[in-house]
Amino acid sequence: MNFSQIHKDKVGALIFLIFSVAYGVSSQDIEIPFFAEEDAFNSRTLPIALAILGGATSLLLLILPTSSGKEASVGEAFRGLHWKEVVLLLILMVVYGLTIKVVGFIVSTTLFLALGFWVLGERRIKVILLISVLLVLFFWYILSQLLDIYIDPGSFFYFLGGV
């Protein structure tokens, strides 16, 4: 097989396979509290399952034939992609990771989703705000109220006098 001539779906699947393997390997570094070591579901379970599912899916995409059967060069496979949006979303993810401890889950996740929708082309402010706020509040309710998982409100909340 000539690697300079490969279908763009195969390039994506190969990148996803590499990412899944790296994610699976790095998930082994997640610490498990001593009281949860024997549990069937612990902090490593979901990352390992995601790595296995991602690896299996990408392997299937690599093995199965492409729909068009037409192969293209690696350069052609990456031409025409929306690189500006990709870079902006990556920047948003980094900023989200840096701000979540400061402004808290609700504010930072709402801003991340709203700006992400904007980057991806949604321009209706009402739709952006409605979906972002409702989705974040829904997940906050499930995590904090139903599953009883503590979600830190952020250091800015304490700075403003929160208890």
C-alpha atoms as a PDB file:
ATOM      1  CA  MET A   1       0.000   0.000   0.000  1.00  0.00           C
ATOM      2  CA  ASN A   2       1.284   3.409  -0.951  1.00  0.00           C
ATOM      3  CA  PHE A   3       0.795   5.729   2.039  1.00  0.00           C
ATOM      4  CA  SER A   4       0.938   8.828  -0.139  1.00  0.00           C
ATOM      5  CA  GLN A   5      -2.322   7.636  -1.756  1.00  0.00           C
ATOM      6  CA  ILE A   6      -4.860   6.982   1.008  1.00  0.00           C
ATOM      7  CA  HIS A   7      -8.545   7.783   1.331  1.00  0.00           C
ATOM      8  CA  LYS A   8      -9.393  10.673   3.673  1.00  0.00           C
ATOM      9  CA  ASP A   9     -11.637   8.407   5.774  1.00  0.00           C
ATOM     10  CA  LYS A  10      -8.681   6.120   6.361  1.00  0.00           C
ATOM     11  CA  VAL A  11      -6.482   9.045   7.457  1.00  0.00           C
ATOM     12  CA  GLY A  12      -9.122  10.121   9.971  1.00  0.00           C
ATOM     13  CA  ALA A  13      -9.532   6.564  11.229  1.00  0.00           C
ATOM     14  CA  LEU A  14      -5.773   6.185  11.670  1.00  0.00           C
ATOM     15  CA  ILE A  15      -5.550   9.450  13.621  1.00  0.00           C
ATOM     16  CA  PHE A  16      -8.514   8.374  15.760  1.00  0.00           C
ATOM     17  CA  LEU A  17      -6.887   4.971  16.399  1.00  0.00           C
ATOM     18  CA  ILE A  18      -3.688   6.665  17.584  1.00  0.00           C
ATOM     19  CA  PHE A  19      -5.721   8.986  19.801  1.00  0.00           C
ATOM     20  CA  SER A  20      -7.736   6.064  21.248  1.00  0.00           C
ATOM     21  CA  VAL A  21      -4.627   4.067  22.067  1.00  0.00           C
ATOM     22  CA  ALA A  22      -2.971   7.098  23.695  1.00  0.00           C
ATOM     23  CA  TYR A  23      -6.172   7.800  25.659  1.00  0.00           C
ATOM     24  CA  GLY A  24      -6.353   4.180  26.806  1.00  0.00           C
ATOM     25  CA  VAL A  25      -2.735   4.178  27.927  1.00  0.00           C
ATOM     26  CA  SER A  26      -3.082   7.495  29.753  1.00  0.00           C
ATOM     27  CA  SER A  27      -6.277   6.308  31.462  1.00  0.00           C
ATOM     28  CA  GLN A  28      -4.131   3.850  33.406  1.00  0.00           C
ATOM     29  CA  ASP A  29      -2.670   6.837  35.283  1.00  0.00           C
ATOM     30  CA  ILE A  30      -6.041   7.696  36.826  1.00  0.00           C
ATOM     31  CA  GLU A  31      -5.850   7.066  40.547  1.00  0.00           C
ATOM     32  CA  ILE A  32      -8.491   4.902  42.140  1.00  0.00           C
ATOM     33  CA  PRO A  33      -9.329   5.529  45.808  1.00  0.00           C
ATOM     34  CA  PHE A  34      -8.522   2.539  47.990  1.00  0.00           C
ATOM     35  CA  PHE A  35     -12.181   2.009  48.875  1.00  0.00           C
ATOM     36  CA  ALA A  36     -13.160   1.779  45.173  1.00  0.00           C
ATOM     37  CA  GLU A  37     -10.464  -0.618  43.974  1.00  0.00           C
ATOM     38  CA  GLU A  38     -12.778  -3.649  44.027  1.00  0.00           C
ATOM     39  CA  ASP A  39     -15.805  -1.852  42.574  1.00  0.00           C
ATOM     40  CA  ALA A  40     -17.063  -2.894  39.156  1.00  0.00           C
ATOM     41  CA  PHE A  41     -17.426   0.763  38.151  1.00  0.00           C
ATOM     42  CA  ASN A  42     -14.707   3.203  39.197  1.00  0.00           C
ATOM     43  CA  SER A  43     -12.930   6.288  37.843  1.00  0.00           C
ATOM     44  CA  ARG A  44     -11.066   4.264  35.183  1.00  0.00           C
ATOM     45  CA  THR A  45     -14.037   2.332  33.826  1.00  0.00           C
ATOM     46  CA  LEU A  46     -15.497   4.920  31.466  1.00  0.00           C
ATOM     47  CA  PRO A  47     -12.171   6.122  30.002  1.00  0.00           C
ATOM     48  CA  ILE A  48     -11.122   2.526  29.330  1.00  0.00           C
ATOM     49  CA  ALA A  49     -14.483   1.737  27.728  1.00  0.00           C
ATOM     50  CA  LEU A  50     -14.247   4.857  25.547  1.00  0.00           C
ATOM     51  CA  ALA A  51     -10.724   3.932  24.466  1.00  0.00           C
ATOM     52  CA  ILE A  52     -11.810   0.400  23.537  1.00  0.00           C
ATOM     53  CA  LEU A  53     -14.879   1.619  21.642  1.00  0.00           C
ATOM     54  CA  GLY A  54     -12.875   4.290  19.838  1.00  0.00           C
ATOM     55  CA  GLY A  55     -10.131   1.828  18.925  1.00  0.00           C
ATOM     56  CA  ALA A  56     -12.614  -0.776  17.691  1.00  0.00           C
ATOM     57  CA  THR A  57     -14.503   1.788  15.615  1.00  0.00           C
ATOM     58  CA  SER A  58     -11.349   3.158  14.032  1.00  0.00           C
ATOM     59  CA  LEU A  59     -10.081  -0.353  13.297  1.00  0.00           C
ATOM     60  CA  LEU A  60     -13.358  -1.141  11.541  1.00  0.00           C
ATOM     61  CA  LEU A  61     -13.054   2.049   9.494  1.00  0.00           C
ATOM     62  CA  LEU A  62      -9.504   1.092   8.538  1.00  0.00           C
ATOM     63  CA  ILE A  63     -10.410  -2.489   7.581  1.00  0.00           C
ATOM     64  CA  LEU A  64     -13.706  -1.942   5.777  1.00  0.00           C
ATOM     65  CA  PRO A  65     -13.619  -0.642   2.196  1.00  0.00           C
ATOM     66  CA  THR A  66     -14.357   3.024   1.548  1.00  0.00           C
ATOM     67  CA  SER A  67     -17.729   3.972   0.144  1.00  0.00           C
ATOM     68  CA  SER A  68     -16.390   5.666  -2.975  1.00  0.00           C
ATOM     69  CA  GLY A  69     -13.400   3.408  -3.514  1.00  0.00           C
ATOM     70  CA  LYS A  70     -11.494   6.446  -4.821  1.00  0.00           C
ATOM     71  CA  GLU A  71      -8.189   7.061  -3.102  1.00  0.00           C
ATOM     72  CA  ALA A  72      -6.621  10.474  -2.745  1.00  0.00           C
ATOM     73  CA  SER A  73      -3.320  11.772  -1.514  1.00  0.00           C
ATOM     74  CA  VAL A  74      -2.904  12.700   2.135  1.00  0.00           C
ATOM     75  CA  GLY A  75      -2.652  16.359   1.145  1.00  0.00           C
ATOM     76  CA  GLU A  76      -5.937  16.157  -0.738  1.00  0.00           C
ATOM     77  CA  ALA A  77      -7.569  14.468   2.242  1.00  0.00           C
ATOM     78  CA  PHE A  78      -6.878  17.498   4.437  1.00  0.00           C
ATOM     79  CA  ARG A  79      -7.716  20.131   1.820  1.00  0.00           C
ATOM     80  CA  GLY A  80     -11.068  21.845   2.167  1.00  0.00           C
ATOM     81  CA  LEU A  81     -11.478  21.112   5.862  1.00  0.00           C
ATOM     82  CA  HIS A  82     -12.594  23.870   8.230  1.00  0.00           C
ATOM     83  CA  TRP A  83      -9.264  24.488   9.943  1.00  0.00           C
ATOM     84  CA  LYS A  84     -10.246  27.889  11.334  1.00  0.00           C
ATOM     85  CA  GLU A  85     -13.125  26.347  13.275  1.00  0.00           C
ATOM     86  CA  VAL A  86     -10.932  23.504  14.494  1.00  0.00           C
ATOM     87  CA  VAL A  87      -8.294  25.887  15.827  1.00  0.00           C
ATOM     88  CA  LEU A  88     -10.902  28.140  17.461  1.00  0.00           C
ATOM     89  CA  LEU A  89     -12.560  25.141  19.157  1.00  0.00           C
ATOM     90  CA  LEU A  90      -9.185  23.929  20.420  1.00  0.00           C
ATOM     91  CA  ILE A  91      -8.498  27.393  21.857  1.00  0.00           C
ATOM     92  CA  LEU A  92     -11.962  27.374  23.460  1.00  0.00           C
ATOM     93  CA  MET A  93     -11.232  23.992  25.051  1.00  0.00           C
ATOM     94  CA  VAL A  94      -7.964  25.228  26.541  1.00  0.00           C
ATOM     95  CA  VAL A  95      -9.616  28.386  27.880  1.00  0.00           C
ATOM     96  CA  TYR A  96     -12.466  26.272  29.292  1.00  0.00           C
ATOM     97  CA  GLY A  97      -9.987  24.035  31.090  1.00  0.00           C
ATOM     98  CA  LEU A  98      -8.219  27.061  32.544  1.00  0.00           C
ATOM     99  CA  THR A  99     -11.387  28.884  33.665  1.00  0.00           C
ATOM    100  CA  ILE A 100     -13.531  26.103  35.124  1.00  0.00           C
ATOM    101  CA  LYS A 101     -11.784  26.228  38.519  1.00  0.00           C
ATOM    102  CA  VAL A 102     -12.023  30.006  38.640  1.00  0.00           C
ATOM    103  CA  VAL A 103     -15.580  30.772  37.519  1.00  0.00           C
ATOM    104  CA  GLY A 104     -17.100  27.354  38.150  1.00  0.00           C
ATOM    105  CA  PHE A 105     -18.832  24.653  36.145  1.00  0.00           C
ATOM    106  CA  ILE A 106     -22.066  26.462  35.313  1.00  0.00           C
ATOM    107  CA  VAL A 107     -20.570  29.737  34.032  1.00  0.00           C
ATOM    108  CA  SER A 108     -17.567  28.279  32.217  1.00  0.00           C
ATOM    109  CA  THR A 109     -19.514  25.441  30.577  1.00  0.00           C
ATOM    110  CA  THR A 110     -22.312  27.773  29.477  1.00  0.00           C
ATOM    111  CA  LEU A 111     -19.795  30.159  27.919  1.00  0.00           C
ATOM    112  CA  PHE A 112     -17.899  27.280  26.310  1.00  0.00           C
ATOM    113  CA  LEU A 113     -21.048  25.859  24.717  1.00  0.00           C
ATOM    114  CA  ALA A 114     -22.359  29.255  23.599  1.00  0.00           C
ATOM    115  CA  LEU A 115     -19.055  30.257  22.009  1.00  0.00           C
ATOM    116  CA  GLY A 116     -18.692  26.778  20.501  1.00  0.00           C
ATOM    117  CA  PHE A 117     -22.114  27.073  18.867  1.00  0.00           C
ATOM    118  CA  TRP A 118     -21.106  30.496  17.541  1.00  0.00           C
ATOM    119  CA  VAL A 119     -17.842  29.135  16.089  1.00  0.00           C
ATOM    120  CA  LEU A 120     -19.745  26.292  14.435  1.00  0.00           C
ATOM    121  CA  GLY A 121     -22.044  28.743  12.680  1.00  0.00           C
ATOM    122  CA  GLU A 122     -25.151  29.181  14.824  1.00  0.00           C
ATOM    123  CA  ARG A 123     -26.087  32.865  14.886  1.00  0.00           C
ATOM    124  CA  ARG A 124     -29.483  32.873  16.633  1.00  0.00           C
ATOM    125  CA  ILE A 125     -28.680  34.268  20.093  1.00  0.00           C
ATOM    126  CA  LYS A 126     -31.897  32.937  21.642  1.00  0.00           C
ATOM    127  CA  VAL A 127     -31.156  29.401  20.456  1.00  0.00           C
ATOM    128  CA  ILE A 128     -27.540  29.581  21.623  1.00  0.00           C
ATOM    129  CA  LEU A 129     -28.438  30.857  25.102  1.00  0.00           C
ATOM    130  CA  LEU A 130     -31.452  28.599  25.557  1.00  0.00           C
ATOM    131  CA  ILE A 131     -29.632  25.404  24.620  1.00  0.00           C
ATOM    132  CA  SER A 132     -26.421  26.305  26.475  1.00  0.00           C
ATOM    133  CA  VAL A 133     -28.110  27.307  29.723  1.00  0.00           C
ATOM    134  CA  LEU A 134     -30.668  24.481  29.767  1.00  0.00           C
ATOM    135  CA  LEU A 135     -28.099  21.819  28.893  1.00  0.00           C
ATOM    136  CA  VAL A 136     -25.659  22.991  31.570  1.00  0.00           C
ATOM    137  CA  LEU A 137     -28.365  23.237  34.214  1.00  0.00           C
ATOM    138  CA  PHE A 138     -29.654  19.783  33.258  1.00  0.00           C
ATOM    139  CA  PHE A 139     -26.200  18.213  33.654  1.00  0.00           C
ATOM    140  CA  TRP A 140     -25.536  20.181  36.848  1.00  0.00           C
ATOM    141  CA  TYR A 141     -28.819  18.885  38.292  1.00  0.00           C
ATOM    142  CA  ILE A 142     -28.035  15.283  37.365  1.00  0.00           C
ATOM    143  CA  LEU A 143     -24.486  15.424  38.699  1.00  0.00           C
ATOM    144  CA  SER A 144     -25.001  17.418  41.872  1.00  0.00           C
ATOM    145  CA  GLN A 145     -28.554  16.606  42.909  1.00  0.00           C
ATOM    146  CA  LEU A 146     -29.241  13.082  41.611  1.00  0.00           C
ATOM    147  CA  LEU A 147     -25.754  11.546  41.680  1.00  0.00           C
ATOM    148  CA  ASP A 148     -24.625  13.633  44.672  1.00  0.00           C
ATOM    149  CA  ILE A 149     -21.321  14.591  43.042  1.00  0.00           C
ATOM    150  CA  TYR A 150     -19.772  17.750  44.475  1.00  0.00           C
ATOM    151  CA  ILE A 151     -19.191  20.377  41.799  1.00  0.00           C
ATOM    152  CA  ASP A 152     -16.938  23.195  42.943  1.00  0.00           C
ATOM    153  CA  PRO A 153     -18.645  26.533  42.233  1.00  0.00           C
ATOM    154  CA  GLY A 154     -15.278  28.135  41.497  1.00  0.00           C
ATOM    155  CA  SER A 155     -12.939  30.388  43.422  1.00  0.00           C
ATOM    156  CA  PHE A 156     -14.626  33.508  42.004  1.00  0.00           C
ATOM    157  CA  PHE A 157     -17.839  32.458  43.809  1.00  0.00           C
ATOM    158  CA  TYR A 158     -15.958  32.402  47.128  1.00  0.00           C
ATOM    159  CA  PHE A 159     -14.312  35.729  46.280  1.00  0.00           C
ATOM    160  CA  LEU A 160     -17.786  37.264  45.895  1.00  0.00           C
ATOM    161  CA  GLY A 161     -18.713  36.022  49.372  1.00  0.00           C
ATOM    162  CA  GLY A 162     -20.291  32.655  48.607  1.00  0.00           C
ATOM    163  CA  VAL A 163     -20.475  30.119  51.377  1.00  0.00           C
END
